[in-house]
Amino acid sequence: MADPAVPTLPAHCRPLEFLTRPWFWLIVAGVVITAAAGAMWNSGESAWWIAPVAVGLILALSGIVLLFRPRLRFAEVAHLPVIIGAGVVSGLIGLAVAFLLEGKLEPHLRMPFALDLWLSGPIEETCKIAVPVLLLVFARKRFGDPRAGVLMVLVSAAVFGVGEGLQYVNGGSGANSHLLQGLVRPLAEISHPLWTAIAAGAIWLAAHRSGRVLTWAGLVGWLVAAGLHSLHDGLFSWNEGGTQNDTTDHDLSMSDVVVSAIGGNIISIIAAVFAFLVLRHVLRELTPPTAIDTAPRSWRPWLALWGVPAATRERWASEDPVSSSSRME
């Protein structure tokens, strides 16, 4: 039964509210700019168009990071410039390591193209989060705050997504490949921060509560992120016949470009929405008290016990529910 002394929070049910948000229009601008640059690159030989492609990808991935700003109040995070800088460095390192593993090591092992795609989840999710986890281990005082960890990983994964998108747009050798990749890369890359933040939210919250970096909750979070990533990329292996990347290495007609762009973007949107719904279930536990009154119902914490030691749970169970729940964060 609801306590009449506690004021009822507003429902905040606004289905089209995203149309008024800067993050949405950053993604739209990124898609338009990248597609236009890919079309111009497609009509000429100059690789100068890589610059506007980069701008478009940066805008789209920045939009995904900003999506969580009003819910998690990143401006309140201590050492904010350091956290963002660490995320950028992490993304660059993760991109380089993933490139070596996927672009250099896997070809020497003669893996089928389909297997490469299915392995992308564990490889890339580990690369994107490796440096932040090391910072959590060796510099917990500065990087141990769960919201700081999530922000750092969001930035890391966004940088990774920008770099991967540039590789795809620049790497095509077939006719119309620049155009196709310019059309699909922004939406294909926006799931990178969403996947990795699932792992980050579980790892940092459980570590904050338990005092240990390695937890069951964190492991499950990483497995979910890697699984969703592999499922997304693995689905494309059926389209490619499991042998090679036809969308970049073969000549494409304009009808092929239209069909592939529509189908690819639909898959990317579905993947991003599903990843966001899973991620929201994790990150709602990190919604700070300062954001509760403006948060929609789906972002209000459930006070889940991820990472709380069993002995602590038993002690809380014997205490007053209100006072014990206040210790969750």
C-alpha atoms as a PDB file:
ATOM      1  CA  MET A   1       0.000   0.000   0.000  1.00  0.00           C
ATOM      2  CA  ALA A   2       1.322   3.418  -0.956  1.00  0.00           C
ATOM      3  CA  ASP A   3       2.423   5.727   1.831  1.00  0.00           C
ATOM      4  CA  PRO A   4       0.192   8.848   1.686  1.00  0.00           C
ATOM      5  CA  ALA A   5       3.035  10.866   3.207  1.00  0.00           C
ATOM      6  CA  VAL A   6       5.208  10.238   0.156  1.00  0.00           C
ATOM      7  CA  PRO A   7       4.339  12.489  -2.818  1.00  0.00           C
ATOM      8  CA  THR A   8       3.459  10.718  -6.077  1.00  0.00           C
ATOM      9  CA  LEU A   9       5.997  11.273  -8.828  1.00  0.00           C
ATOM     10  CA  PRO A  10       4.702  12.348 -12.251  1.00  0.00           C
ATOM     11  CA  ALA A  11       4.389   9.654 -14.934  1.00  0.00           C
ATOM     12  CA  HIS A  12       6.216  11.655 -17.631  1.00  0.00           C
ATOM     13  CA  CYS A  13       4.603   9.688 -20.442  1.00  0.00           C
ATOM     14  CA  ARG A  14       5.563  11.647 -23.600  1.00  0.00           C
ATOM     15  CA  PRO A  15       5.992   9.264 -26.559  1.00  0.00           C
ATOM     16  CA  LEU A  16       7.271  11.915 -28.997  1.00  0.00           C
ATOM     17  CA  GLU A  17       9.474  13.743 -26.510  1.00  0.00           C
ATOM     18  CA  PHE A  18      12.596  12.525 -28.324  1.00  0.00           C
ATOM     19  CA  LEU A  19      11.775  14.919 -31.188  1.00  0.00           C
ATOM     20  CA  THR A  20      12.636  17.823 -28.886  1.00  0.00           C
ATOM     21  CA  ARG A  21      15.923  16.380 -27.648  1.00  0.00           C
ATOM     22  CA  PRO A  22      19.379  17.445 -28.958  1.00  0.00           C
ATOM     23  CA  TRP A  23      20.643  13.844 -28.992  1.00  0.00           C
ATOM     24  CA  PHE A  24      18.032  12.845 -31.590  1.00  0.00           C
ATOM     25  CA  TRP A  25      18.879  15.681 -33.951  1.00  0.00           C
ATOM     26  CA  LEU A  26      22.596  15.019 -33.575  1.00  0.00           C
ATOM     27  CA  ILE A  27      21.962  11.490 -34.809  1.00  0.00           C
ATOM     28  CA  VAL A  28      19.814  12.781 -37.682  1.00  0.00           C
ATOM     29  CA  ALA A  29      22.497  15.310 -38.652  1.00  0.00           C
ATOM     30  CA  GLY A  30      25.150  12.600 -38.471  1.00  0.00           C
ATOM     31  CA  VAL A  31      23.161  10.291 -40.741  1.00  0.00           C
ATOM     32  CA  VAL A  32      22.530  13.046 -43.307  1.00  0.00           C
ATOM     33  CA  ILE A  33      26.134  14.280 -43.373  1.00  0.00           C
ATOM     34  CA  THR A  34      27.631  10.794 -43.613  1.00  0.00           C
ATOM     35  CA  ALA A  35      25.224   9.756 -46.360  1.00  0.00           C
ATOM     36  CA  ALA A  36      25.896  12.942 -48.346  1.00  0.00           C
ATOM     37  CA  ALA A  37      29.660  12.542 -47.979  1.00  0.00           C
ATOM     38  CA  GLY A  38      29.431   8.901 -49.057  1.00  0.00           C
ATOM     39  CA  ALA A  39      27.447   9.940 -52.142  1.00  0.00           C
ATOM     40  CA  MET A  40      29.993  12.611 -53.074  1.00  0.00           C
ATOM     41  CA  TRP A  41      32.881  10.220 -52.460  1.00  0.00           C
ATOM     42  CA  ASN A  42      31.099   7.694 -54.650  1.00  0.00           C
ATOM     43  CA  SER A  43      31.093  10.159 -57.560  1.00  0.00           C
ATOM     44  CA  GLY A  44      34.821  10.955 -57.403  1.00  0.00           C
ATOM     45  CA  GLU A  45      38.167   9.410 -56.612  1.00  0.00           C
ATOM     46  CA  SER A  46      39.314  11.802 -53.899  1.00  0.00           C
ATOM     47  CA  ALA A  47      39.488  10.383 -50.379  1.00  0.00           C
ATOM     48  CA  TRP A  48      39.054  13.939 -49.059  1.00  0.00           C
ATOM     49  CA  TRP A  49      35.452  12.951 -48.289  1.00  0.00           C
ATOM     50  CA  ILE A  50      36.689  10.944 -45.326  1.00  0.00           C
ATOM     51  CA  ALA A  51      36.685  14.198 -43.316  1.00  0.00           C
ATOM     52  CA  PRO A  52      32.923  14.928 -43.550  1.00  0.00           C
ATOM     53  CA  VAL A  53      32.266  11.210 -43.046  1.00  0.00           C
ATOM     54  CA  ALA A  54      34.180  11.460 -39.769  1.00  0.00           C
ATOM     55  CA  VAL A  55      32.161  14.537 -38.769  1.00  0.00           C
ATOM     56  CA  GLY A  56      28.901  12.727 -39.456  1.00  0.00           C
ATOM     57  CA  LEU A  57      29.912   9.667 -37.473  1.00  0.00           C
ATOM     58  CA  ILE A  58      31.115  11.795 -34.548  1.00  0.00           C
ATOM     59  CA  LEU A  59      27.782  13.632 -34.449  1.00  0.00           C
ATOM     60  CA  ALA A  60      25.755  10.403 -34.538  1.00  0.00           C
ATOM     61  CA  LEU A  61      27.793   8.683 -31.823  1.00  0.00           C
ATOM     62  CA  SER A  62      27.833  11.848 -29.685  1.00  0.00           C
ATOM     63  CA  GLY A  63      24.054  11.830 -29.857  1.00  0.00           C
ATOM     64  CA  ILE A  64      23.959   8.369 -28.303  1.00  0.00           C
ATOM     65  CA  VAL A  65      26.220   9.462 -25.439  1.00  0.00           C
ATOM     66  CA  LEU A  66      24.088  12.568 -24.804  1.00  0.00           C
ATOM     67  CA  LEU A  67      20.963  10.406 -24.731  1.00  0.00           C
ATOM     68  CA  PHE A  68      21.829   9.432 -21.146  1.00  0.00           C
ATOM     69  CA  ARG A  69      22.931  12.846 -19.869  1.00  0.00           C
ATOM     70  CA  PRO A  70      19.556  13.971 -18.425  1.00  0.00           C
ATOM     71  CA  ARG A  71      18.954  10.594 -16.757  1.00  0.00           C
ATOM     72  CA  LEU A  72      22.374  10.044 -15.173  1.00  0.00           C
ATOM     73  CA  ARG A  73      23.357  13.722 -14.694  1.00  0.00           C
ATOM     74  CA  PHE A  74      26.916  13.300 -15.954  1.00  0.00           C
ATOM     75  CA  ALA A  75      27.659  16.944 -15.112  1.00  0.00           C
ATOM     76  CA  GLU A  76      27.648  15.933 -11.431  1.00  0.00           C
ATOM     77  CA  VAL A  77      30.421  13.367 -11.951  1.00  0.00           C
ATOM     78  CA  ALA A  78      33.744  14.300 -10.353  1.00  0.00           C
ATOM     79  CA  HIS A  79      36.822  14.712 -12.586  1.00  0.00           C
ATOM     80  CA  LEU A  80      34.606  14.950 -15.668  1.00  0.00           C
ATOM     81  CA  PRO A  81      37.337  16.045 -18.158  1.00  0.00           C
ATOM     82  CA  VAL A  82      39.587  13.212 -16.961  1.00  0.00           C
ATOM     83  CA  ILE A  83      36.762  10.684 -17.332  1.00  0.00           C
ATOM     84  CA  ILE A  84      36.007  11.826 -20.884  1.00  0.00           C
ATOM     85  CA  GLY A  85      39.695  11.918 -21.813  1.00  0.00           C
ATOM     86  CA  ALA A  86      40.194   8.409 -20.465  1.00  0.00           C
ATOM     87  CA  GLY A  87      37.230   7.259 -22.540  1.00  0.00           C
ATOM     88  CA  VAL A  88      38.720   8.717 -25.720  1.00  0.00           C
ATOM     89  CA  VAL A  89      42.096   7.080 -25.096  1.00  0.00           C
ATOM     90  CA  SER A  90      40.381   3.803 -24.233  1.00  0.00           C
ATOM     91  CA  GLY A  91      38.412   3.852 -27.471  1.00  0.00           C
ATOM     92  CA  LEU A  92      41.523   4.459 -29.560  1.00  0.00           C
ATOM     93  CA  ILE A  93      43.433   1.674 -27.818  1.00  0.00           C
ATOM     94  CA  GLY A  94      40.481  -0.706 -28.095  1.00  0.00           C
ATOM     95  CA  LEU A  95      40.115   0.090 -31.800  1.00  0.00           C
ATOM     96  CA  ALA A  96      43.806  -0.605 -32.441  1.00  0.00           C
ATOM     97  CA  VAL A  97      43.759  -3.905 -30.541  1.00  0.00           C
ATOM     98  CA  ALA A  98      40.546  -5.056 -32.233  1.00  0.00           C
ATOM     99  CA  PHE A  99      42.010  -4.152 -35.628  1.00  0.00           C
ATOM    100  CA  LEU A 100      45.073  -6.273 -34.918  1.00  0.00           C
ATOM    101  CA  LEU A 101      42.998  -9.217 -33.727  1.00  0.00           C
ATOM    102  CA  GLU A 102      40.296  -9.098 -36.382  1.00  0.00           C
ATOM    103  CA  GLY A 103      42.249  -7.633 -39.281  1.00  0.00           C
ATOM    104  CA  LYS A 104      45.618  -9.314 -38.830  1.00  0.00           C
ATOM    105  CA  LEU A 105      45.366 -12.372 -36.584  1.00  0.00           C
ATOM    106  CA  GLU A 106      42.096 -13.894 -37.795  1.00  0.00           C
ATOM    107  CA  PRO A 107      43.124 -13.962 -41.500  1.00  0.00           C
ATOM    108  CA  HIS A 108      46.293 -15.874 -40.572  1.00  0.00           C
ATOM    109  CA  LEU A 109      44.125 -18.439 -38.779  1.00  0.00           C
ATOM    110  CA  ARG A 110      42.050 -18.811 -41.986  1.00  0.00           C
ATOM    111  CA  MET A 111      38.751 -18.348 -40.184  1.00  0.00           C
ATOM    112  CA  PRO A 112      35.570 -18.248 -42.285  1.00  0.00           C
ATOM    113  CA  PHE A 113      34.079 -14.784 -42.659  1.00  0.00           C
ATOM    114  CA  ALA A 114      30.932 -15.901 -40.814  1.00  0.00           C
ATOM    115  CA  LEU A 115      32.981 -17.003 -37.806  1.00  0.00           C
ATOM    116  CA  ASP A 116      34.763 -13.622 -37.813  1.00  0.00           C
ATOM    117  CA  LEU A 117      31.399 -11.910 -37.476  1.00  0.00           C
ATOM    118  CA  TRP A 118      30.185 -14.172 -34.671  1.00  0.00           C
ATOM    119  CA  LEU A 119      33.443 -13.615 -32.754  1.00  0.00           C
ATOM    120  CA  SER A 120      33.127  -9.833 -33.024  1.00  0.00           C
ATOM    121  CA  GLY A 121      31.029  -9.658 -29.848  1.00  0.00           C
ATOM    122  CA  PRO A 122      33.493 -11.051 -27.288  1.00  0.00           C
ATOM    123  CA  ILE A 123      36.511  -9.522 -29.036  1.00  0.00           C
ATOM    124  CA  GLU A 124      35.201  -5.980 -29.477  1.00  0.00           C
ATOM    125  CA  GLU A 125      33.276  -5.758 -26.210  1.00  0.00           C
ATOM    126  CA  THR A 126      36.447  -6.770 -24.370  1.00  0.00           C
ATOM    127  CA  CYS A 127      38.593  -4.286 -26.299  1.00  0.00           C
ATOM    128  CA  LYS A 128      36.212  -1.384 -25.632  1.00  0.00           C
ATOM    129  CA  ILE A 129      36.011  -1.967 -21.897  1.00  0.00           C
ATOM    130  CA  ALA A 130      39.506  -3.292 -21.094  1.00  0.00           C
ATOM    131  CA  VAL A 131      41.180   0.046 -20.295  1.00  0.00           C
ATOM    132  CA  PRO A 132      38.271   1.352 -18.161  1.00  0.00           C
ATOM    133  CA  VAL A 133      38.257  -1.888 -16.153  1.00  0.00           C
ATOM    134  CA  LEU A 134      42.015  -1.574 -15.587  1.00  0.00           C
ATOM    135  CA  LEU A 135      41.445   1.971 -14.338  1.00  0.00           C
ATOM    136  CA  LEU A 136      38.748   0.629 -12.033  1.00  0.00           C
ATOM    137  CA  VAL A 137      41.244  -1.901 -10.651  1.00  0.00           C
ATOM    138  CA  PHE A 138      44.231   0.404 -10.187  1.00  0.00           C
ATOM    139  CA  ALA A 139      42.612   3.830  -9.687  1.00  0.00           C
ATOM    140  CA  ARG A 140      39.269   3.096  -8.058  1.00  0.00           C
ATOM    141  CA  LYS A 141      39.226   6.331  -6.081  1.00  0.00           C
ATOM    142  CA  ARG A 142      38.961   8.373  -9.282  1.00  0.00           C
ATOM    143  CA  PHE A 143      37.281   5.905 -11.633  1.00  0.00           C
ATOM    144  CA  GLY A 144      35.168   3.823  -9.248  1.00  0.00           C
ATOM    145  CA  ASP A 145      31.992   5.907  -9.298  1.00  0.00           C
ATOM    146  CA  PRO A 146      29.433   3.891 -11.329  1.00  0.00           C
ATOM    147  CA  ARG A 147      28.217   6.873 -13.330  1.00  0.00           C
ATOM    148  CA  ALA A 148      31.812   7.825 -14.116  1.00  0.00           C
ATOM    149  CA  GLY A 149      32.488   4.288 -15.283  1.00  0.00           C
ATOM    150  CA  VAL A 150      29.431   4.230 -17.533  1.00  0.00           C
ATOM    151  CA  LEU A 151      30.312   7.608 -19.056  1.00  0.00           C
ATOM    152  CA  MET A 152      33.913   6.542 -19.642  1.00  0.00           C
ATOM    153  CA  VAL A 153      32.751   3.364 -21.390  1.00  0.00           C
ATOM    154  CA  LEU A 154      30.122   5.201 -23.436  1.00  0.00           C
ATOM    155  CA  VAL A 155      32.824   7.540 -24.736  1.00  0.00           C
ATOM    156  CA  SER A 156      35.215   4.645 -25.346  1.00  0.00           C
ATOM    157  CA  ALA A 157      32.620   2.725 -27.349  1.00  0.00           C
ATOM    158  CA  ALA A 158      31.588   5.853 -29.277  1.00  0.00           C
ATOM    159  CA  VAL A 159      35.198   6.481 -30.330  1.00  0.00           C
ATOM    160  CA  PHE A 160      35.443   2.814 -31.302  1.00  0.00           C
ATOM    161  CA  GLY A 161      32.261   3.122 -33.385  1.00  0.00           C
ATOM    162  CA  VAL A 162      33.552   6.211 -35.203  1.00  0.00           C
ATOM    163  CA  GLY A 163      36.810   4.435 -36.049  1.00  0.00           C
ATOM    164  CA  GLU A 164      35.058   1.288 -37.227  1.00  0.00           C
ATOM    165  CA  GLY A 165      32.659   3.319 -39.371  1.00  0.00           C
ATOM    166  CA  LEU A 166      35.573   5.133 -41.022  1.00  0.00           C
ATOM    167  CA  GLN A 167      37.226   1.802 -41.798  1.00  0.00           C
ATOM    168  CA  TYR A 168      34.110   0.536 -43.541  1.00  0.00           C
ATOM    169  CA  VAL A 169      33.456   3.682 -45.568  1.00  0.00           C
ATOM    170  CA  ASN A 170      37.098   4.061 -46.577  1.00  0.00           C
ATOM    171  CA  GLY A 171      37.803   0.382 -47.143  1.00  0.00           C
ATOM    172  CA  GLY A 172      35.338  -0.374 -49.908  1.00  0.00           C
ATOM    173  CA  SER A 173      36.782  -1.198 -53.325  1.00  0.00           C
ATOM    174  CA  GLY A 174      33.613  -2.032 -55.243  1.00  0.00           C
ATOM    175  CA  ALA A 175      31.471   0.387 -57.219  1.00  0.00           C
ATOM    176  CA  ASN A 176      28.967   2.261 -55.019  1.00  0.00           C
ATOM    177  CA  SER A 177      30.535   0.838 -51.836  1.00  0.00           C
ATOM    178  CA  HIS A 178      31.302   4.303 -50.415  1.00  0.00           C
ATOM    179  CA  LEU A 179      27.701   5.310 -51.013  1.00  0.00           C
ATOM    180  CA  LEU A 180      26.261   2.225 -49.328  1.00  0.00           C
ATOM    181  CA  GLN A 181      28.542   2.447 -46.311  1.00  0.00           C
ATOM    182  CA  GLY A 182      27.820   6.155 -45.974  1.00  0.00           C
ATOM    183  CA  LEU A 183      24.124   5.312 -45.833  1.00  0.00           C
ATOM    184  CA  VAL A 184      24.334   2.500 -43.279  1.00  0.00           C
ATOM    185  CA  ARG A 185      27.348   3.178 -41.049  1.00  0.00           C
ATOM    186  CA  PRO A 186      25.918   5.843 -38.685  1.00  0.00           C
ATOM    187  CA  LEU A 187      23.000   3.683 -37.564  1.00  0.00           C
ATOM    188  CA  ALA A 188      25.106   0.530 -37.655  1.00  0.00           C
ATOM    189  CA  GLU A 189      27.618   2.061 -35.229  1.00  0.00           C
ATOM    190  CA  ILE A 190      25.258   3.615 -32.658  1.00  0.00           C
ATOM    191  CA  SER A 191      24.721   0.259 -30.962  1.00  0.00           C
ATOM    192  CA  HIS A 192      28.379   0.088 -29.915  1.00  0.00           C
ATOM    193  CA  PRO A 193      27.937   2.395 -26.877  1.00  0.00           C
ATOM    194  CA  LEU A 194      24.632   0.737 -26.001  1.00  0.00           C
ATOM    195  CA  TRP A 195      26.083  -2.776 -25.926  1.00  0.00           C
ATOM    196  CA  THR A 196      29.193  -1.904 -23.951  1.00  0.00           C
ATOM    197  CA  ALA A 197      27.348   0.270 -21.455  1.00  0.00           C
ATOM    198  CA  ILE A 198      25.272  -2.795 -20.479  1.00  0.00           C
ATOM    199  CA  ALA A 199      28.468  -4.438 -19.273  1.00  0.00           C
ATOM    200  CA  ALA A 200      29.753  -1.209 -17.715  1.00  0.00           C
ATOM    201  CA  GLY A 201      26.596  -0.543 -15.717  1.00  0.00           C
ATOM    202  CA  ALA A 202      26.607  -4.038 -14.222  1.00  0.00           C
ATOM    203  CA  ILE A 203      30.375  -4.142 -13.600  1.00  0.00           C
ATOM    204  CA  TRP A 204      30.672  -0.731 -11.930  1.00  0.00           C
ATOM    205  CA  LEU A 205      27.518  -0.951  -9.831  1.00  0.00           C
ATOM    206  CA  ALA A 206      28.370  -4.435  -8.545  1.00  0.00           C
ATOM    207  CA  ALA A 207      31.976  -3.403  -7.884  1.00  0.00           C
ATOM    208  CA  HIS A 208      30.809  -0.306  -6.013  1.00  0.00           C
ATOM    209  CA  ARG A 209      28.578  -2.381  -3.769  1.00  0.00           C
ATOM    210  CA  SER A 210      30.782  -5.428  -3.227  1.00  0.00           C
ATOM    211  CA  GLY A 211      34.244  -3.874  -3.215  1.00  0.00           C
ATOM    212  CA  ARG A 212      35.362  -6.427  -5.849  1.00  0.00           C
ATOM    213  CA  VAL A 213      35.840  -5.840  -9.560  1.00  0.00           C
ATOM    214  CA  LEU A 214      35.047  -9.439 -10.514  1.00  0.00           C
ATOM    215  CA  THR A 215      31.397 -10.195  -9.740  1.00  0.00           C
ATOM    216  CA  TRP A 216      28.706 -12.448 -11.123  1.00  0.00           C
ATOM    217  CA  ALA A 217      26.597  -9.429 -12.041  1.00  0.00           C
ATOM    218  CA  GLY A 218      29.474  -7.918 -13.997  1.00  0.00           C
ATOM    219  CA  LEU A 219      30.140 -11.188 -15.807  1.00  0.00           C
ATOM    220  CA  VAL A 220      26.486 -11.507 -16.794  1.00  0.00           C
ATOM    221  CA  GLY A 221      26.513  -7.905 -18.023  1.00  0.00           C
ATOM    222  CA  TRP A 222      29.528  -8.581 -20.236  1.00  0.00           C
ATOM    223  CA  LEU A 223      27.996 -11.811 -21.577  1.00  0.00           C
ATOM    224  CA  VAL A 224      24.769  -9.995 -22.478  1.00  0.00           C
ATOM    225  CA  ALA A 225      26.702  -7.228 -24.254  1.00  0.00           C
ATOM    226  CA  ALA A 226      28.901  -9.674 -26.167  1.00  0.00           C
ATOM    227  CA  GLY A 227      25.919 -11.873 -27.015  1.00  0.00           C
ATOM    228  CA  LEU A 228      23.830  -9.035 -28.428  1.00  0.00           C
ATOM    229  CA  HIS A 229      26.809  -7.775 -30.414  1.00  0.00           C
ATOM    230  CA  SER A 230      27.587 -11.203 -31.875  1.00  0.00           C
ATOM    231  CA  LEU A 231      23.921 -11.817 -32.701  1.00  0.00           C
ATOM    232  CA  HIS A 232      23.728  -8.505 -34.579  1.00  0.00           C
ATOM    233  CA  ASP A 233      26.910  -9.082 -36.581  1.00  0.00           C
ATOM    234  CA  GLY A 234      26.319 -12.798 -37.016  1.00  0.00           C
ATOM    235  CA  LEU A 235      22.973 -12.213 -38.693  1.00  0.00           C
ATOM    236  CA  PHE A 236      24.803 -10.445 -41.508  1.00  0.00           C
ATOM    237  CA  SER A 237      26.888 -13.586 -42.134  1.00  0.00           C
ATOM    238  CA  TRP A 238      23.786 -15.259 -43.572  1.00  0.00           C
ATOM    239  CA  ASN A 239      23.354 -12.377 -46.004  1.00  0.00           C
ATOM    240  CA  GLU A 240      26.989 -12.562 -47.071  1.00  0.00           C
ATOM    241  CA  GLY A 241      26.991 -16.311 -47.545  1.00  0.00           C
ATOM    242  CA  GLY A 242      29.596 -16.721 -44.813  1.00  0.00           C
ATOM    243  CA  THR A 243      32.538 -16.135 -47.127  1.00  0.00           C
ATOM    244  CA  GLN A 244      33.269 -12.468 -47.713  1.00  0.00           C
ATOM    245  CA  ASN A 245      31.980  -8.951 -47.322  1.00  0.00           C
ATOM    246  CA  ASP A 246      30.108  -8.387 -50.587  1.00  0.00           C
ATOM    247  CA  THR A 247      28.980  -4.881 -49.617  1.00  0.00           C
ATOM    248  CA  THR A 248      32.532  -3.531 -49.738  1.00  0.00           C
ATOM    249  CA  ASP A 249      34.444  -5.803 -52.136  1.00  0.00           C
ATOM    250  CA  HIS A 250      31.972  -6.249 -55.009  1.00  0.00           C
ATOM    251  CA  ASP A 251      30.418  -3.831 -57.470  1.00  0.00           C
ATOM    252  CA  LEU A 252      26.867  -2.875 -56.504  1.00  0.00           C
ATOM    253  CA  SER A 253      24.043  -1.576 -58.640  1.00  0.00           C
ATOM    254  CA  MET A 254      21.941   1.300 -57.364  1.00  0.00           C
ATOM    255  CA  SER A 255      19.078  -1.097 -56.718  1.00  0.00           C
ATOM    256  CA  ASP A 256      21.444  -3.225 -54.596  1.00  0.00           C
ATOM    257  CA  VAL A 257      22.437  -0.111 -52.661  1.00  0.00           C
ATOM    258  CA  VAL A 258      18.811   0.859 -51.989  1.00  0.00           C
ATOM    259  CA  VAL A 259      17.791  -2.630 -50.852  1.00  0.00           C
ATOM    260  CA  SER A 260      20.904  -3.128 -48.701  1.00  0.00           C
ATOM    261  CA  ALA A 261      20.648   0.355 -47.157  1.00  0.00           C
ATOM    262  CA  ILE A 262      16.975  -0.057 -46.235  1.00  0.00           C
ATOM    263  CA  GLY A 263      17.441  -3.566 -44.883  1.00  0.00           C
ATOM    264  CA  GLY A 264      20.655  -2.748 -43.030  1.00  0.00           C
ATOM    265  CA  ASN A 265      19.244   0.366 -41.384  1.00  0.00           C
ATOM    266  CA  ILE A 266      16.082  -1.454 -40.307  1.00  0.00           C
ATOM    267  CA  ILE A 267      18.202  -4.138 -38.649  1.00  0.00           C
ATOM    268  CA  SER A 268      20.397  -1.478 -37.014  1.00  0.00           C
ATOM    269  CA  ILE A 269      17.403   0.430 -35.639  1.00  0.00           C
ATOM    270  CA  ILE A 270      15.855  -2.749 -34.222  1.00  0.00           C
ATOM    271  CA  ALA A 271      19.204  -3.737 -32.666  1.00  0.00           C
ATOM    272  CA  ALA A 272      19.696  -0.272 -31.156  1.00  0.00           C
ATOM    273  CA  VAL A 273      16.179  -0.118 -29.694  1.00  0.00           C
ATOM    274  CA  PHE A 274      16.473  -3.589 -28.170  1.00  0.00           C
ATOM    275  CA  ALA A 275      19.923  -2.817 -26.761  1.00  0.00           C
ATOM    276  CA  PHE A 276      18.592   0.435 -25.290  1.00  0.00           C
ATOM    277  CA  LEU A 277      15.726  -1.374 -23.540  1.00  0.00           C
ATOM    278  CA  VAL A 278      18.164  -3.850 -21.993  1.00  0.00           C
ATOM    279  CA  LEU A 279      20.563  -1.058 -21.062  1.00  0.00           C
ATOM    280  CA  ARG A 280      17.820   1.031 -19.461  1.00  0.00           C
ATOM    281  CA  HIS A 281      17.024  -1.886 -17.169  1.00  0.00           C
ATOM    282  CA  VAL A 282      20.635  -1.764 -15.970  1.00  0.00           C
ATOM    283  CA  LEU A 283      21.223   1.980 -15.854  1.00  0.00           C
ATOM    284  CA  ARG A 284      17.974   2.837 -14.076  1.00  0.00           C
ATOM    285  CA  GLU A 285      19.709   1.664 -10.886  1.00  0.00           C
ATOM    286  CA  LEU A 286      22.185   4.553 -11.335  1.00  0.00           C
ATOM    287  CA  THR A 287      19.604   7.325 -11.664  1.00  0.00           C
ATOM    288  CA  PRO A 288      20.707   9.835  -8.990  1.00  0.00           C
ATOM    289  CA  PRO A 289      18.329  11.419  -6.467  1.00  0.00           C
ATOM    290  CA  THR A 290      18.660  14.748  -8.280  1.00  0.00           C
ATOM    291  CA  ALA A 291      17.034  13.215 -11.383  1.00  0.00           C
ATOM    292  CA  ILE A 292      14.270  11.192  -9.752  1.00  0.00           C
ATOM    293  CA  ASP A 293      11.603  13.897  -9.900  1.00  0.00           C
ATOM    294  CA  THR A 294      12.077  14.398 -13.667  1.00  0.00           C
ATOM    295  CA  ALA A 295      12.722  10.762 -14.572  1.00  0.00           C
ATOM    296  CA  PRO A 296      10.025   8.733 -16.334  1.00  0.00           C
ATOM    297  CA  ARG A 297       8.790   5.651 -14.529  1.00  0.00           C
ATOM    298  CA  SER A 298      11.057   3.375 -16.580  1.00  0.00           C
ATOM    299  CA  TRP A 299      14.158   5.201 -15.274  1.00  0.00           C
ATOM    300  CA  ARG A 300      13.339   5.083 -11.565  1.00  0.00           C
ATOM    301  CA  PRO A 301      15.529   2.625  -9.603  1.00  0.00           C
ATOM    302  CA  TRP A 302      14.156  -0.724  -8.549  1.00  0.00           C
ATOM    303  CA  LEU A 303      16.900  -1.001  -5.922  1.00  0.00           C
ATOM    304  CA  ALA A 304      18.036  -4.340  -7.332  1.00  0.00           C
ATOM    305  CA  LEU A 305      20.635  -6.106  -5.194  1.00  0.00           C
ATOM    306  CA  TRP A 306      23.332  -6.593  -7.848  1.00  0.00           C
ATOM    307  CA  GLY A 307      26.712  -7.074  -6.214  1.00  0.00           C
ATOM    308  CA  VAL A 308      25.471  -6.774  -2.640  1.00  0.00           C
ATOM    309  CA  PRO A 309      27.187  -9.494  -0.528  1.00  0.00           C
ATOM    310  CA  ALA A 310      24.904 -12.174   0.935  1.00  0.00           C
ATOM    311  CA  ALA A 311      25.840 -11.243   4.518  1.00  0.00           C
ATOM    312  CA  THR A 312      24.868  -7.645   3.874  1.00  0.00           C
ATOM    313  CA  ARG A 313      21.551  -8.697   2.353  1.00  0.00           C
ATOM    314  CA  GLU A 314      20.736 -10.739   5.441  1.00  0.00           C
ATOM    315  CA  ARG A 315      21.608  -7.844   7.731  1.00  0.00           C
ATOM    316  CA  TRP A 316      19.475  -5.447   5.686  1.00  0.00           C
ATOM    317  CA  ALA A 317      16.582  -7.892   5.774  1.00  0.00           C
ATOM    318  CA  SER A 318      16.526  -7.647   9.554  1.00  0.00           C
ATOM    319  CA  GLU A 319      16.597  -3.830   9.526  1.00  0.00           C
ATOM    320  CA  ASP A 320      13.949  -1.245   8.750  1.00  0.00           C
ATOM    321  CA  PRO A 321      13.242  -1.402   4.968  1.00  0.00           C
ATOM    322  CA  VAL A 322      13.465   2.359   4.495  1.00  0.00           C
ATOM    323  CA  SER A 323      16.803   2.779   6.249  1.00  0.00           C
ATOM    324  CA  SER A 324      18.267  -0.321   4.593  1.00  0.00           C
ATOM    325  CA  SER A 325      17.218   0.674   1.093  1.00  0.00           C
ATOM    326  CA  SER A 326      18.932   4.039   1.555  1.00  0.00           C
ATOM    327  CA  ARG A 327      22.259   2.196   1.762  1.00  0.00           C
ATOM    328  CA  MET A 328      21.977   0.721  -1.718  1.00  0.00           C
ATOM    329  CA  GLU A 329      24.103   3.450  -3.297  1.00  0.00           C
END
